[in-house]
Amino acid sequence: MKKTIISLALTLLLGPGIGHLYLRKFKKAFLLITLTLLAAVHLAWRVSKTIPNIANMSSDAVLQFFQDFTKSNSGIMLYYDIIFAAVWAYALVDAFIISRHLDNPG
């Protein structure tokens, strides 16, 4: 039961793959962390292509830019939300199954 609680807490609080690291499932942890990071980097790259020079913008103008960006790119944002949610849900369920097996072998 202890491994189950810790692995789920790590996955929930720190992200997909971290609970798998705790469970010593390194290949799966690497895959989940890499997939999450690649999606995040790709999203950041897409956003960065449209960002004006924010160094000279007021905080209100920056906030307005991001509000306008999310409105005009809501389909893309939904796509990434679905990817992140699916990876996180998979990681939670998989960490639960693996840890239950480790807590109760046989």
N, C-alpha and C. Protein backbone atom coordinates (compact mmCIF):
# COMPACT_ATOMS: atom_id res chain seq x y z
N MET A 1 0.82 -1.20 0.00
CA MET A 1 0.00 0.00 0.00
C MET A 1 0.86 1.26 0.00
N LYS A 2 2.03 1.18 0.66
CA LYS A 2 2.91 2.34 0.75
C LYS A 2 3.40 2.76 -0.63
N LYS A 3 3.86 1.80 -1.44
CA LYS A 3 4.35 2.12 -2.78
C LYS A 3 3.24 2.72 -3.63
N THR A 4 2.03 2.23 -3.48
CA THR A 4 0.90 2.74 -4.25
C THR A 4 0.67 4.21 -3.94
N ILE A 5 0.60 4.56 -2.68
CA ILE A 5 0.33 5.94 -2.28
C ILE A 5 1.45 6.86 -2.72
N ILE A 6 2.69 6.46 -2.52
CA ILE A 6 3.82 7.32 -2.88
C ILE A 6 3.90 7.50 -4.39
N SER A 7 3.76 6.42 -5.16
CA SER A 7 3.87 6.54 -6.61
C SER A 7 2.75 7.39 -7.19
N LEU A 8 1.53 7.25 -6.66
CA LEU A 8 0.42 8.06 -7.15
C LEU A 8 0.60 9.52 -6.75
N ALA A 9 1.08 9.77 -5.55
CA ALA A 9 1.31 11.15 -5.11
C ALA A 9 2.38 11.82 -5.97
N LEU A 10 3.46 11.11 -6.25
CA LEU A 10 4.52 11.66 -7.09
C LEU A 10 4.00 11.97 -8.50
N THR A 11 3.21 11.07 -9.05
CA THR A 11 2.67 11.27 -10.39
C THR A 11 1.70 12.45 -10.40
N LEU A 12 0.86 12.54 -9.39
CA LEU A 12 -0.11 13.63 -9.33
C LEU A 12 0.57 14.98 -9.13
N LEU A 13 1.53 15.04 -8.23
CA LEU A 13 2.13 16.32 -7.87
C LEU A 13 3.25 16.76 -8.80
N LEU A 14 4.04 15.83 -9.31
CA LEU A 14 5.22 16.20 -10.09
C LEU A 14 5.11 15.91 -11.58
N GLY A 15 4.20 15.04 -11.96
CA GLY A 15 3.98 14.79 -13.39
C GLY A 15 4.14 13.34 -13.78
N PRO A 16 3.70 13.05 -15.00
CA PRO A 16 3.78 11.68 -15.52
C PRO A 16 5.22 11.18 -15.57
N GLY A 17 5.42 9.97 -15.10
CA GLY A 17 6.74 9.34 -15.14
C GLY A 17 7.49 9.40 -13.82
N ILE A 18 7.18 10.36 -12.97
CA ILE A 18 7.93 10.50 -11.72
C ILE A 18 7.58 9.34 -10.77
N GLY A 19 6.34 8.95 -10.74
CA GLY A 19 5.95 7.78 -9.94
C GLY A 19 6.61 6.50 -10.44
N HIS A 20 6.79 6.42 -11.76
CA HIS A 20 7.46 5.26 -12.34
C HIS A 20 8.95 5.22 -11.97
N LEU A 21 9.54 6.40 -11.84
CA LEU A 21 10.94 6.44 -11.36
C LEU A 21 11.02 5.85 -9.97
N TYR A 22 10.09 6.25 -9.10
CA TYR A 22 10.06 5.72 -7.73
C TYR A 22 9.89 4.20 -7.74
N LEU A 23 9.09 3.70 -8.69
CA LEU A 23 8.85 2.25 -8.78
C LEU A 23 9.97 1.52 -9.53
N ARG A 24 10.99 2.26 -9.96
CA ARG A 24 12.15 1.72 -10.66
C ARG A 24 11.79 1.14 -12.02
N LYS A 25 10.80 1.71 -12.65
CA LYS A 25 10.41 1.34 -14.02
C LYS A 25 10.96 2.43 -14.93
N PHE A 26 12.28 2.39 -15.15
CA PHE A 26 13.00 3.49 -15.78
C PHE A 26 12.64 3.70 -17.25
N LYS A 27 12.45 2.63 -17.99
CA LYS A 27 12.11 2.78 -19.41
C LYS A 27 10.76 3.48 -19.58
N LYS A 28 9.80 3.04 -18.81
CA LYS A 28 8.47 3.64 -18.90
C LYS A 28 8.50 5.08 -18.38
N ALA A 29 9.26 5.33 -17.33
CA ALA A 29 9.39 6.69 -16.80
C ALA A 29 10.01 7.60 -17.85
N PHE A 30 11.06 7.14 -18.50
CA PHE A 30 11.71 7.93 -19.54
C PHE A 30 10.73 8.23 -20.67
N LEU A 31 9.96 7.24 -21.08
CA LEU A 31 8.99 7.43 -22.15
C LEU A 31 7.93 8.46 -21.77
N LEU A 32 7.37 8.35 -20.58
CA LEU A 32 6.32 9.27 -20.14
C LEU A 32 6.86 10.70 -19.96
N ILE A 33 8.02 10.83 -19.37
CA ILE A 33 8.61 12.15 -19.16
C ILE A 33 8.97 12.78 -20.51
N THR A 34 9.56 11.98 -21.40
CA THR A 34 9.93 12.48 -22.72
C THR A 34 8.70 12.92 -23.51
N LEU A 35 7.66 12.12 -23.51
CA LEU A 35 6.44 12.47 -24.23
C LEU A 35 5.84 13.77 -23.69
N THR A 36 5.80 13.92 -22.39
CA THR A 36 5.27 15.13 -21.78
C THR A 36 6.12 16.34 -22.12
N LEU A 37 7.43 16.18 -22.02
CA LEU A 37 8.33 17.30 -22.32
C LEU A 37 8.28 17.69 -23.80
N LEU A 38 8.21 16.70 -24.68
CA LEU A 38 8.14 17.01 -26.11
C LEU A 38 6.86 17.78 -26.45
N ALA A 39 5.76 17.37 -25.86
CA ALA A 39 4.50 18.09 -26.10
C ALA A 39 4.58 19.51 -25.54
N ALA A 40 5.18 19.67 -24.37
CA ALA A 40 5.30 21.00 -23.77
C ALA A 40 6.23 21.89 -24.60
N VAL A 41 7.34 21.34 -25.06
CA VAL A 41 8.27 22.12 -25.87
C VAL A 41 7.63 22.50 -27.20
N HIS A 42 6.90 21.57 -27.79
CA HIS A 42 6.23 21.87 -29.06
C HIS A 42 5.19 22.96 -28.88
N LEU A 43 4.44 22.91 -27.80
CA LEU A 43 3.45 23.95 -27.51
C LEU A 43 4.15 25.29 -27.30
N ALA A 44 5.23 25.29 -26.54
CA ALA A 44 5.98 26.53 -26.29
C ALA A 44 6.53 27.09 -27.60
N TRP A 45 7.00 26.22 -28.48
CA TRP A 45 7.52 26.65 -29.78
C TRP A 45 6.41 27.30 -30.61
N ARG A 46 5.23 26.69 -30.61
CA ARG A 46 4.10 27.26 -31.37
C ARG A 46 3.72 28.63 -30.82
N VAL A 47 3.72 28.76 -29.52
CA VAL A 47 3.39 30.05 -28.90
C VAL A 47 4.48 31.06 -29.22
N SER A 48 5.73 30.64 -29.13
CA SER A 48 6.84 31.58 -29.32
C SER A 48 6.89 32.14 -30.73
N LYS A 49 6.36 31.41 -31.71
CA LYS A 49 6.36 31.91 -33.08
C LYS A 49 5.46 33.13 -33.24
N THR A 50 4.51 33.29 -32.35
CA THR A 50 3.54 34.39 -32.48
C THR A 50 3.75 35.51 -31.46
N ILE A 51 4.70 35.33 -30.56
CA ILE A 51 4.90 36.32 -29.50
C ILE A 51 5.61 37.55 -30.05
N PRO A 52 5.05 38.71 -29.80
CA PRO A 52 5.76 39.93 -30.16
C PRO A 52 6.88 40.18 -29.16
N ASN A 53 7.61 41.24 -29.31
CA ASN A 53 8.68 41.58 -28.38
C ASN A 53 8.05 42.01 -27.06
N ILE A 54 7.92 41.07 -26.13
CA ILE A 54 7.23 41.37 -24.87
C ILE A 54 8.09 42.16 -23.90
N ALA A 55 9.36 42.31 -24.21
CA ALA A 55 10.22 43.08 -23.31
C ALA A 55 9.76 44.53 -23.22
N ASN A 56 9.14 45.02 -24.29
CA ASN A 56 8.70 46.41 -24.31
C ASN A 56 7.20 46.55 -24.05
N MET A 57 6.56 45.47 -23.62
CA MET A 57 5.12 45.50 -23.40
C MET A 57 4.81 45.61 -21.91
N SER A 58 3.71 46.24 -21.61
CA SER A 58 3.26 46.29 -20.21
C SER A 58 2.70 44.93 -19.83
N SER A 59 2.56 44.70 -18.54
CA SER A 59 2.03 43.41 -18.09
C SER A 59 0.60 43.20 -18.58
N ASP A 60 -0.18 44.28 -18.67
CA ASP A 60 -1.55 44.17 -19.19
C ASP A 60 -1.55 43.76 -20.66
N ALA A 61 -0.61 44.31 -21.43
CA ALA A 61 -0.52 43.98 -22.85
C ALA A 61 -0.10 42.52 -23.05
N VAL A 62 0.81 42.03 -22.20
CA VAL A 62 1.24 40.63 -22.28
C VAL A 62 0.06 39.73 -21.94
N LEU A 63 -0.67 40.06 -20.88
CA LEU A 63 -1.84 39.28 -20.50
C LEU A 63 -2.86 39.28 -21.62
N GLN A 64 -3.10 40.41 -22.24
CA GLN A 64 -4.05 40.50 -23.34
C GLN A 64 -3.59 39.66 -24.53
N PHE A 65 -2.29 39.68 -24.81
CA PHE A 65 -1.76 38.86 -25.90
C PHE A 65 -2.08 37.39 -25.68
N PHE A 66 -1.80 36.89 -24.47
CA PHE A 66 -2.03 35.47 -24.21
C PHE A 66 -3.51 35.13 -24.18
N GLN A 67 -4.35 36.03 -23.74
CA GLN A 67 -5.79 35.80 -23.80
C GLN A 67 -6.24 35.71 -25.25
N ASP A 68 -5.76 36.62 -26.09
CA ASP A 68 -6.10 36.59 -27.51
C ASP A 68 -5.55 35.33 -28.18
N PHE A 69 -4.34 34.93 -27.78
CA PHE A 69 -3.73 33.73 -28.36
C PHE A 69 -4.58 32.50 -28.05
N THR A 70 -4.99 32.35 -26.80
CA THR A 70 -5.77 31.16 -26.45
C THR A 70 -7.14 31.16 -27.11
N LYS A 71 -7.72 32.33 -27.32
CA LYS A 71 -9.01 32.39 -28.02
C LYS A 71 -8.85 32.01 -29.48
N SER A 72 -7.83 32.54 -30.13
CA SER A 72 -7.65 32.29 -31.56
C SER A 72 -7.06 30.90 -31.84
N ASN A 73 -6.49 30.27 -30.85
CA ASN A 73 -5.90 28.94 -31.02
C ASN A 73 -6.53 27.92 -30.08
N SER A 74 -7.81 28.05 -29.82
CA SER A 74 -8.46 27.17 -28.85
C SER A 74 -8.42 25.71 -29.29
N GLY A 75 -8.47 25.45 -30.59
CA GLY A 75 -8.39 24.07 -31.07
C GLY A 75 -7.04 23.44 -30.76
N ILE A 76 -5.99 24.21 -30.98
CA ILE A 76 -4.64 23.73 -30.70
C ILE A 76 -4.47 23.51 -29.20
N MET A 77 -4.96 24.46 -28.41
CA MET A 77 -4.85 24.34 -26.96
C MET A 77 -5.60 23.11 -26.46
N LEU A 78 -6.77 22.85 -27.04
CA LEU A 78 -7.54 21.66 -26.65
C LEU A 78 -6.77 20.40 -27.00
N TYR A 79 -6.14 20.38 -28.15
CA TYR A 79 -5.33 19.25 -28.59
C TYR A 79 -4.25 18.94 -27.55
N TYR A 80 -3.52 19.96 -27.11
CA TYR A 80 -2.47 19.74 -26.10
C TYR A 80 -3.06 19.38 -24.75
N ASP A 81 -4.18 19.96 -24.39
CA ASP A 81 -4.84 19.58 -23.13
C ASP A 81 -5.20 18.10 -23.13
N ILE A 82 -5.70 17.62 -24.26
CA ILE A 82 -6.07 16.20 -24.37
C ILE A 82 -4.83 15.32 -24.28
N ILE A 83 -3.75 15.72 -24.94
CA ILE A 83 -2.50 14.94 -24.87
C ILE A 83 -2.01 14.86 -23.43
N PHE A 84 -1.92 16.01 -22.76
CA PHE A 84 -1.43 16.03 -21.38
C PHE A 84 -2.34 15.21 -20.46
N ALA A 85 -3.64 15.36 -20.60
CA ALA A 85 -4.58 14.62 -19.75
C ALA A 85 -4.48 13.12 -20.00
N ALA A 86 -4.34 12.72 -21.26
CA ALA A 86 -4.25 11.30 -21.58
C ALA A 86 -2.96 10.69 -21.02
N VAL A 87 -1.86 11.38 -21.18
CA VAL A 87 -0.58 10.87 -20.67
C VAL A 87 -0.62 10.79 -19.15
N TRP A 88 -1.17 11.82 -18.52
CA TRP A 88 -1.25 11.83 -17.06
C TRP A 88 -2.17 10.72 -16.54
N ALA A 89 -3.32 10.55 -17.19
CA ALA A 89 -4.25 9.49 -16.77
C ALA A 89 -3.61 8.12 -16.95
N TYR A 90 -2.95 7.91 -18.08
CA TYR A 90 -2.26 6.63 -18.30
C TYR A 90 -1.22 6.40 -17.21
N ALA A 91 -0.42 7.43 -16.93
CA ALA A 91 0.64 7.30 -15.92
C ALA A 91 0.06 6.96 -14.55
N LEU A 92 -1.04 7.60 -14.19
CA LEU A 92 -1.67 7.31 -12.89
C LEU A 92 -2.16 5.87 -12.81
N VAL A 93 -2.89 5.45 -13.82
CA VAL A 93 -3.43 4.08 -13.81
C VAL A 93 -2.30 3.06 -13.84
N ASP A 94 -1.32 3.30 -14.69
CA ASP A 94 -0.22 2.35 -14.80
C ASP A 94 0.59 2.30 -13.50
N ALA A 95 0.88 3.45 -12.90
CA ALA A 95 1.61 3.46 -11.62
C ALA A 95 0.81 2.73 -10.54
N PHE A 96 -0.50 2.91 -10.55
CA PHE A 96 -1.35 2.21 -9.58
C PHE A 96 -1.25 0.70 -9.77
N ILE A 97 -1.37 0.24 -11.01
CA ILE A 97 -1.33 -1.20 -11.28
C ILE A 97 0.03 -1.78 -10.92
N ILE A 98 1.10 -1.12 -11.33
CA ILE A 98 2.45 -1.61 -11.03
C ILE A 98 2.69 -1.63 -9.53
N SER A 99 2.33 -0.55 -8.84
CA SER A 99 2.61 -0.50 -7.40
C SER A 99 1.77 -1.51 -6.62
N ARG A 100 0.54 -1.74 -7.05
CA ARG A 100 -0.29 -2.75 -6.36
C ARG A 100 0.35 -4.13 -6.52
N HIS A 101 0.89 -4.39 -7.70
CA HIS A 101 1.55 -5.66 -7.93
C HIS A 101 2.81 -5.78 -7.07
N LEU A 102 3.56 -4.68 -6.93
CA LEU A 102 4.77 -4.71 -6.10
C LEU A 102 4.43 -4.83 -4.62
N ASP A 103 3.33 -4.18 -4.21
CA ASP A 103 2.92 -4.26 -2.80
C ASP A 103 2.38 -5.63 -2.44
N ASN A 104 1.72 -6.28 -3.41
CA ASN A 104 1.08 -7.59 -3.17
C ASN A 104 1.54 -8.60 -4.22
N PRO A 105 2.79 -9.03 -4.19
CA PRO A 105 3.26 -9.97 -5.22
C PRO A 105 2.55 -11.31 -5.10
N GLY A 106 2.35 -11.90 -6.27
CA GLY A 106 1.76 -13.22 -6.27
C GLY A 106 0.37 -13.21 -6.57
